[in-house]
N, C-alpha and C. Protein backbone atom coordinates (compact mmCIF):
# COMPACT_ATOMS: atom_id res chain seq x y z
N MET A 1 -12.57 4.00 21.59
CA MET A 1 -11.04 3.79 21.00
C MET A 1 -11.19 3.59 19.51
N THR A 2 -9.90 4.19 19.03
CA THR A 2 -9.88 4.03 17.36
C THR A 2 -8.66 2.94 17.05
N ASN A 3 -8.88 2.87 15.64
CA ASN A 3 -8.22 1.56 15.41
C ASN A 3 -6.53 1.62 15.64
N TYR A 4 -6.06 2.77 15.39
CA TYR A 4 -4.55 2.71 15.82
C TYR A 4 -4.37 2.48 17.39
N GLN A 5 -5.39 2.54 18.11
CA GLN A 5 -4.92 2.42 19.75
C GLN A 5 -5.32 0.99 19.79
N VAL A 6 -5.64 0.15 19.02
CA VAL A 6 -5.97 -1.17 19.37
C VAL A 6 -4.62 -1.96 19.37
N PHE A 7 -3.72 -1.65 18.33
CA PHE A 7 -2.65 -1.98 18.47
C PHE A 7 -1.41 -1.36 19.86
N ASN A 8 -1.79 -0.19 19.87
CA ASN A 8 -0.55 0.46 20.29
C ASN A 8 -1.13 0.32 22.32
N ASP A 9 -1.95 0.07 22.56
CA ASP A 9 -2.46 -0.28 23.89
C ASP A 9 -1.69 -1.54 24.37
N ASP A 10 -1.32 -2.24 23.56
CA ASP A 10 -0.51 -3.43 23.94
C ASP A 10 1.02 -2.88 24.12
N LEU A 11 1.45 -1.97 23.65
CA LEU A 11 2.86 -1.72 23.60
C LEU A 11 3.31 -1.13 24.73
N ASN A 12 2.36 -0.27 25.40
CA ASN A 12 2.90 0.33 26.62
C ASN A 12 1.96 0.70 27.41
N ASN A 13 0.53 -0.03 27.09
CA ASN A 13 -0.80 0.65 28.03
C ASN A 13 -1.08 2.23 27.84
N LYS A 14 -0.64 2.77 26.92
CA LYS A 14 -1.07 4.24 26.68
C LYS A 14 -1.22 4.16 25.03
N PRO A 15 -2.23 4.65 24.75
CA PRO A 15 -2.52 4.79 23.36
C PRO A 15 -1.41 6.11 22.80
N GLN A 16 -0.87 5.89 21.44
CA GLN A 16 -0.18 7.06 20.93
C GLN A 16 -0.71 6.83 19.53
N LYS A 17 -0.54 7.82 18.84
CA LYS A 17 -1.00 8.00 17.34
C LYS A 17 0.05 7.79 16.44
N THR A 18 -0.67 6.68 15.66
CA THR A 18 0.37 6.43 14.94
C THR A 18 -0.16 6.18 13.57
N ASN A 19 0.37 5.90 12.35
CA ASN A 19 -0.32 5.69 11.22
C ASN A 19 -0.74 4.37 10.77
N LEU A 20 -1.02 3.58 11.77
CA LEU A 20 -0.94 2.02 11.54
C LEU A 20 -2.47 1.93 10.66
N LYS A 21 -3.46 2.56 10.92
CA LYS A 21 -4.64 2.10 10.23
C LYS A 21 -4.32 2.48 9.06
N PHE A 22 -3.44 3.59 8.54
CA PHE A 22 -3.52 4.09 7.12
C PHE A 22 -2.56 2.99 6.51
N ASP A 23 -1.54 2.38 7.37
CA ASP A 23 -0.66 1.28 6.83
C ASP A 23 -1.44 0.22 6.22
N LEU A 24 -2.73 -0.18 7.05
CA LEU A 24 -3.31 -1.26 6.87
C LEU A 24 -3.98 -1.28 5.75
N GLU A 25 -4.64 -0.02 5.52
CA GLU A 25 -5.82 0.51 4.40
C GLU A 25 -4.90 0.47 3.10
N LYS A 26 -3.32 0.77 3.31
CA LYS A 26 -2.49 0.70 2.01
C LYS A 26 -2.22 -0.65 1.81
N ARG A 27 -1.91 -1.42 2.75
CA ARG A 27 -1.75 -3.12 2.60
C ARG A 27 -2.57 -3.76 1.76
N CYS A 28 -4.02 -3.29 2.12
CA CYS A 28 -5.08 -4.04 1.63
C CYS A 28 -5.28 -3.26 0.16
N GLU A 29 -4.82 -2.14 0.02
CA GLU A 29 -5.24 -1.79 -1.33
C GLU A 29 -4.28 -2.27 -2.32
N GLU A 30 -2.83 -2.28 -1.75
CA GLU A 30 -1.86 -3.21 -2.62
C GLU A 30 -1.90 -4.49 -2.82
N PHE A 31 -2.74 -5.11 -1.96
CA PHE A 31 -3.25 -6.22 -2.34
C PHE A 31 -4.31 -6.76 -3.32
N GLY A 32 -5.04 -5.73 -3.36
CA GLY A 32 -6.17 -5.83 -4.31
C GLY A 32 -5.56 -5.57 -5.76
N VAL A 33 -4.55 -4.54 -5.71
CA VAL A 33 -3.73 -4.15 -7.27
C VAL A 33 -3.20 -5.31 -7.54
N ALA A 34 -2.30 -6.08 -6.41
CA ALA A 34 -1.43 -7.34 -6.83
C ALA A 34 -2.13 -7.91 -7.35
N ILE A 35 -3.51 -8.33 -6.89
CA ILE A 35 -4.35 -9.67 -7.36
C ILE A 35 -4.61 -9.24 -8.93
N ILE A 36 -4.97 -8.18 -9.16
CA ILE A 36 -5.73 -7.67 -10.22
C ILE A 36 -4.49 -7.85 -11.64
N ARG A 37 -3.50 -7.39 -10.83
CA ARG A 37 -2.37 -7.60 -11.87
C ARG A 37 -1.98 -8.99 -12.19
N PHE A 38 -1.78 -9.62 -11.08
CA PHE A 38 -1.53 -11.30 -11.18
C PHE A 38 -2.66 -11.72 -12.20
N VAL A 39 -3.90 -11.59 -12.12
CA VAL A 39 -4.93 -12.14 -12.99
C VAL A 39 -5.06 -11.55 -14.29
N GLN A 40 -4.54 -10.31 -14.73
CA GLN A 40 -4.63 -9.86 -16.01
C GLN A 40 -4.27 -10.73 -17.15
N PRO A 41 -3.19 -11.23 -16.88
CA PRO A 41 -2.32 -12.00 -18.19
C PRO A 41 -2.95 -13.42 -18.14
N ILE A 42 -3.64 -13.84 -17.30
CA ILE A 42 -3.91 -15.23 -17.07
C ILE A 42 -5.14 -15.45 -18.65
N ASN A 43 -4.76 -16.53 -19.16
CA ASN A 43 -5.92 -16.82 -20.33
C ASN A 43 -6.82 -17.56 -19.79
N GLN A 44 -7.91 -16.67 -20.23
CA GLN A 44 -9.17 -17.02 -19.74
C GLN A 44 -10.28 -18.09 -20.51
N ASP A 45 -10.66 -19.11 -19.80
CA ASP A 45 -11.63 -19.93 -20.43
C ASP A 45 -12.83 -20.51 -19.61
N CYS A 46 -13.68 -21.06 -19.99
CA CYS A 46 -14.83 -21.24 -19.17
C CYS A 46 -14.76 -21.50 -17.64
N ILE A 47 -13.48 -22.21 -17.40
CA ILE A 47 -12.97 -22.43 -16.32
C ILE A 47 -12.65 -21.48 -15.21
N THR A 48 -11.32 -20.66 -15.81
CA THR A 48 -10.65 -19.54 -15.22
C THR A 48 -11.49 -18.32 -14.94
N ARG A 49 -12.46 -17.91 -16.09
CA ARG A 49 -13.07 -16.67 -15.95
C ARG A 49 -13.81 -16.55 -14.81
N PRO A 50 -14.59 -17.48 -14.60
CA PRO A 50 -15.38 -17.12 -13.17
C PRO A 50 -14.53 -17.36 -11.93
N LEU A 51 -13.66 -18.01 -11.98
CA LEU A 51 -12.62 -18.02 -10.63
C LEU A 51 -11.93 -16.69 -10.51
N ILE A 52 -11.38 -16.07 -11.71
CA ILE A 52 -10.71 -14.68 -11.64
C ILE A 52 -11.83 -13.67 -11.10
N SER A 53 -12.97 -13.68 -11.79
CA SER A 53 -13.84 -12.81 -11.23
C SER A 53 -14.01 -12.76 -9.81
N GLN A 54 -14.32 -14.08 -9.13
CA GLN A 54 -14.61 -14.11 -7.80
C GLN A 54 -13.26 -13.61 -7.09
N ILE A 55 -11.98 -13.93 -7.65
CA ILE A 55 -10.68 -13.81 -6.92
C ILE A 55 -10.76 -12.12 -6.75
N VAL A 56 -10.94 -11.53 -7.83
CA VAL A 56 -10.83 -9.97 -7.88
C VAL A 56 -12.09 -9.24 -7.14
N ARG A 57 -12.97 -10.00 -6.97
CA ARG A 57 -14.05 -9.38 -6.29
C ARG A 57 -13.94 -9.21 -4.66
N SER A 58 -13.32 -10.67 -4.48
CA SER A 58 -13.12 -10.88 -2.93
C SER A 58 -11.93 -10.25 -2.35
N ALA A 59 -10.98 -9.91 -3.48
CA ALA A 59 -9.64 -9.41 -2.76
C ALA A 59 -9.58 -8.00 -2.73
N THR A 60 -10.39 -7.18 -3.66
CA THR A 60 -10.57 -5.76 -3.57
C THR A 60 -11.45 -5.32 -2.51
N SER A 61 -12.71 -6.42 -2.40
CA SER A 61 -13.57 -6.09 -1.34
C SER A 61 -13.11 -6.10 0.42
N ILE A 62 -11.91 -6.61 0.54
CA ILE A 62 -11.06 -6.66 1.68
C ILE A 62 -10.63 -5.13 2.14
N GLY A 63 -10.12 -4.53 1.14
CA GLY A 63 -9.97 -2.99 1.49
C GLY A 63 -10.93 -2.21 1.56
N ALA A 64 -12.08 -2.58 0.74
CA ALA A 64 -13.11 -1.56 0.79
C ALA A 64 -13.92 -1.54 1.85
N ASN A 65 -13.94 -2.97 2.48
CA ASN A 65 -14.72 -2.87 3.81
C ASN A 65 -13.96 -2.53 4.99
N TYR A 66 -12.62 -2.45 4.97
CA TYR A 66 -11.63 -2.04 5.89
C TYR A 66 -11.91 -0.49 5.72
N CYS A 67 -11.84 0.18 4.75
CA CYS A 67 -12.12 1.73 4.46
C CYS A 67 -13.33 1.88 5.37
N GLU A 68 -14.61 1.17 5.00
CA GLU A 68 -15.82 1.37 5.58
C GLU A 68 -15.59 1.21 7.31
N ALA A 69 -14.99 0.12 7.72
CA ALA A 69 -14.64 0.09 9.05
C ALA A 69 -14.27 1.30 9.83
N ASN A 70 -13.24 2.11 9.19
CA ASN A 70 -12.48 3.04 9.57
C ASN A 70 -13.48 4.37 9.78
N ASP A 71 -14.44 4.46 8.84
CA ASP A 71 -15.55 5.34 8.67
C ASP A 71 -16.97 5.19 9.66
N SER A 72 -16.80 4.00 10.34
CA SER A 72 -17.84 3.32 10.88
C SER A 72 -18.15 4.56 12.18
N ILE A 73 -19.84 4.45 12.49
CA ILE A 73 -20.07 5.13 13.52
C ILE A 73 -20.19 4.91 14.95
N SER A 74 -20.02 3.30 15.07
CA SER A 74 -20.13 2.71 16.26
C SER A 74 -19.12 1.63 16.26
N LYS A 75 -18.57 1.12 17.53
CA LYS A 75 -17.68 0.03 17.79
C LYS A 75 -18.54 -1.13 16.77
N LYS A 76 -19.76 -1.21 17.13
CA LYS A 76 -20.31 -2.40 16.68
C LYS A 76 -20.38 -2.44 15.32
N GLU A 77 -20.63 -1.34 14.44
CA GLU A 77 -20.27 -1.35 13.04
C GLU A 77 -18.73 -1.62 12.74
N PHE A 78 -18.07 -1.15 13.57
CA PHE A 78 -16.49 -1.03 13.17
C PHE A 78 -16.40 -2.57 13.18
N ILE A 79 -16.49 -3.25 14.13
CA ILE A 79 -16.23 -4.81 14.29
C ILE A 79 -17.14 -5.84 12.99
N HIS A 80 -18.22 -5.32 13.02
CA HIS A 80 -19.22 -6.06 11.82
C HIS A 80 -18.21 -5.82 10.21
N ARG A 81 -17.64 -4.73 10.16
CA ARG A 81 -17.00 -4.52 9.02
C ARG A 81 -15.74 -5.30 8.87
N LEU A 82 -15.12 -5.13 9.99
CA LEU A 82 -13.84 -6.22 10.22
C LEU A 82 -14.10 -7.53 9.82
N TYR A 83 -15.15 -7.99 10.24
CA TYR A 83 -15.88 -9.40 10.13
C TYR A 83 -15.78 -9.82 8.75
N ILE A 84 -16.50 -8.64 8.00
CA ILE A 84 -16.59 -8.92 6.56
C ILE A 84 -15.16 -8.91 6.03
N SER A 85 -14.08 -7.95 6.02
CA SER A 85 -12.97 -7.94 5.58
C SER A 85 -12.52 -9.28 5.91
N ARG A 86 -12.37 -9.73 7.05
CA ARG A 86 -11.78 -10.93 7.46
C ARG A 86 -12.30 -12.25 6.64
N LYS A 87 -13.68 -12.28 6.41
CA LYS A 87 -14.50 -12.94 5.31
C LYS A 87 -13.89 -13.21 4.01
N GLU A 88 -13.84 -11.96 3.59
CA GLU A 88 -13.43 -11.53 2.31
C GLU A 88 -11.85 -12.21 2.09
N ALA A 89 -11.00 -12.24 2.51
CA ALA A 89 -9.62 -12.71 3.00
C ALA A 89 -9.54 -14.46 2.71
N LYS A 90 -10.71 -14.76 3.69
CA LYS A 90 -10.92 -16.26 3.61
C LYS A 90 -11.17 -16.78 2.34
N GLU A 91 -12.32 -16.03 1.73
CA GLU A 91 -12.85 -16.28 0.40
C GLU A 91 -11.73 -16.16 -0.62
N THR A 92 -10.92 -15.10 -0.60
CA THR A 92 -10.14 -14.92 -1.58
C THR A 92 -8.96 -16.16 -1.50
N LYS A 93 -8.49 -16.44 -0.36
CA LYS A 93 -7.63 -17.74 -0.34
C LYS A 93 -8.11 -18.89 -1.01
N HIS A 94 -9.61 -19.24 -0.62
CA HIS A 94 -10.36 -20.42 -1.38
C HIS A 94 -10.10 -19.92 -2.85
N TRP A 95 -10.64 -19.07 -3.28
CA TRP A 95 -10.75 -18.94 -4.91
C TRP A 95 -9.40 -18.78 -5.51
N LEU A 96 -8.29 -18.59 -4.71
CA LEU A 96 -6.80 -18.65 -5.00
C LEU A 96 -6.56 -20.05 -5.31
N ARG A 97 -6.83 -20.97 -4.32
CA ARG A 97 -6.67 -22.63 -4.25
C ARG A 97 -7.26 -23.09 -5.54
N MET A 98 -8.49 -22.48 -5.85
CA MET A 98 -9.32 -23.31 -6.86
C MET A 98 -8.31 -23.06 -8.12
N LEU A 99 -8.17 -21.63 -8.21
CA LEU A 99 -7.28 -21.05 -9.41
C LEU A 99 -5.94 -22.01 -9.71
N MET A 100 -5.38 -22.54 -8.60
CA MET A 100 -4.34 -23.20 -8.34
C MET A 100 -4.64 -24.62 -8.86
N GLY A 101 -5.75 -25.43 -8.55
CA GLY A 101 -6.00 -26.45 -8.97
C GLY A 101 -6.76 -26.51 -10.59
N ALA A 102 -7.12 -25.29 -11.00
CA ALA A 102 -7.59 -25.43 -12.36
C ALA A 102 -6.89 -25.07 -13.38
N SER A 103 -5.44 -24.51 -13.09
CA SER A 103 -4.67 -23.97 -13.96
C SER A 103 -3.35 -24.48 -13.96
N LYS A 104 -2.61 -23.67 -14.89
CA LYS A 104 -1.03 -24.42 -14.83
C LYS A 104 -0.16 -23.09 -14.25
N LEU A 105 -0.74 -22.57 -13.36
CA LEU A 105 -0.13 -21.08 -13.01
C LEU A 105 1.16 -21.72 -12.41
N ASP A 106 1.95 -20.61 -11.89
CA ASP A 106 2.91 -21.03 -11.19
C ASP A 106 2.58 -21.01 -9.22
N ASP A 107 2.79 -22.15 -8.90
CA ASP A 107 2.23 -22.37 -7.67
C ASP A 107 2.86 -21.34 -6.60
N GLU A 108 4.02 -21.13 -6.84
CA GLU A 108 4.90 -20.08 -5.94
C GLU A 108 4.22 -18.82 -5.82
N GLN A 109 3.72 -18.21 -7.22
CA GLN A 109 3.28 -17.30 -7.20
C GLN A 109 1.88 -17.09 -6.52
N ILE A 110 1.06 -17.99 -6.98
CA ILE A 110 -0.27 -18.20 -6.11
C ILE A 110 -0.17 -18.18 -4.34
N ASN A 111 0.61 -19.17 -4.20
CA ASN A 111 0.80 -19.13 -2.76
C ASN A 111 1.46 -17.85 -2.07
N LYS A 112 2.29 -17.06 -2.88
CA LYS A 112 2.72 -15.77 -2.38
C LYS A 112 1.20 -14.81 -1.87
N HIS A 113 0.29 -14.87 -2.76
CA HIS A 113 -0.93 -14.13 -2.62
C HIS A 113 -1.81 -14.70 -1.52
N ILE A 114 -1.59 -16.08 -1.45
CA ILE A 114 -2.46 -17.14 -0.55
C ILE A 114 -2.10 -16.41 0.95
N ASN A 115 -0.68 -16.16 0.97
CA ASN A 115 -0.09 -16.19 2.37
C ASN A 115 -0.49 -14.62 2.72
N GLU A 116 -0.35 -13.62 2.00
CA GLU A 116 -0.83 -12.58 2.21
C GLU A 116 -2.32 -12.40 2.45
N ALA A 117 -3.08 -12.92 1.84
CA ALA A 117 -4.38 -13.21 2.34
C ALA A 117 -4.50 -13.64 3.65
N GLN A 118 -3.92 -14.71 4.21
CA GLN A 118 -3.82 -15.13 5.39
C GLN A 118 -3.29 -14.25 6.67
N GLU A 119 -2.31 -13.63 6.03
CA GLU A 119 -1.76 -12.52 7.32
C GLU A 119 -2.82 -11.40 7.36
N LEU A 120 -3.69 -11.00 6.19
CA LEU A 120 -4.58 -10.07 6.46
C LEU A 120 -5.72 -10.69 7.17
N ASN A 121 -6.20 -12.03 7.17
CA ASN A 121 -7.25 -12.53 8.06
C ASN A 121 -6.49 -12.46 9.33
N LEU A 122 -5.17 -12.86 9.71
CA LEU A 122 -4.77 -12.97 10.90
C LEU A 122 -4.85 -11.29 11.56
N ILE A 123 -4.55 -10.45 10.80
CA ILE A 123 -4.35 -8.81 11.48
C ILE A 123 -5.97 -8.77 11.82
N PHE A 124 -6.91 -8.91 10.99
CA PHE A 124 -8.39 -8.68 11.08
C PHE A 124 -8.81 -9.39 12.46
N SER A 125 -8.29 -10.78 12.51
CA SER A 125 -8.85 -11.52 13.83
C SER A 125 -8.28 -10.90 14.99
N ALA A 126 -7.13 -10.21 15.25
CA ALA A 126 -6.50 -9.65 16.19
C ALA A 126 -7.25 -8.80 16.67
N ILE A 127 -7.68 -7.78 15.62
CA ILE A 127 -8.38 -6.48 15.72
C ILE A 127 -9.57 -7.01 16.50
N ILE A 128 -10.09 -7.77 15.94
CA ILE A 128 -11.57 -8.16 16.10
C ILE A 128 -11.53 -8.44 17.65
N ILE A 129 -10.65 -9.62 18.18
CA ILE A 129 -10.41 -10.03 19.55
C ILE A 129 -10.20 -8.86 20.13
N LYS A 130 -9.25 -7.91 20.04
CA LYS A 130 -9.05 -6.87 20.84
C LYS A 130 -10.13 -5.79 21.13
N CYS A 131 -10.81 -5.53 20.01
CA CYS A 131 -11.95 -4.76 20.20
C CYS A 131 -13.04 -5.27 20.91
N LYS A 132 -13.40 -6.71 20.83
CA LYS A 132 -14.30 -7.52 21.61
C LYS A 132 -14.21 -7.36 23.08
N ALA A 133 -12.68 -7.42 23.54
CA ALA A 133 -12.45 -7.34 24.76
C ALA A 133 -12.75 -6.20 25.45
N ASN A 134 -12.45 -5.36 24.96
CA ASN A 134 -12.77 -3.80 25.55
C ASN A 134 -14.03 -3.18 24.90
N TYR A 135 -14.73 -4.04 24.29
CA TYR A 135 -16.45 -3.55 24.24
C TYR A 135 -17.32 -3.60 25.60
């Protein structure tokens, strides 16, 4: 079963080819770029510098691991990569919350990124559940 079938099987019990996997890849990519652009203007000091580094690494890793999942050679590897993407989304939320507490940044803007990381987390969780049910 391919990635796009995971979603479409629920729609009408037959797989239909769509571009959903590419949409999720693009969404992950856009999230990584948004995070990079968000942290670029932040004044870096001994507190914010390591937090920013962690945020960028975890946020950009979400998409990298999802791309790896799409190129996996087995369902087991696919699920493993999704777990990593999900873990990175959770980690990104953590580092964003730490940055919120350590800086005087606009909480609304940080919360927007936290919410997107949470949505990605939920998407990966749903895919993992569906794949494991069909494993």
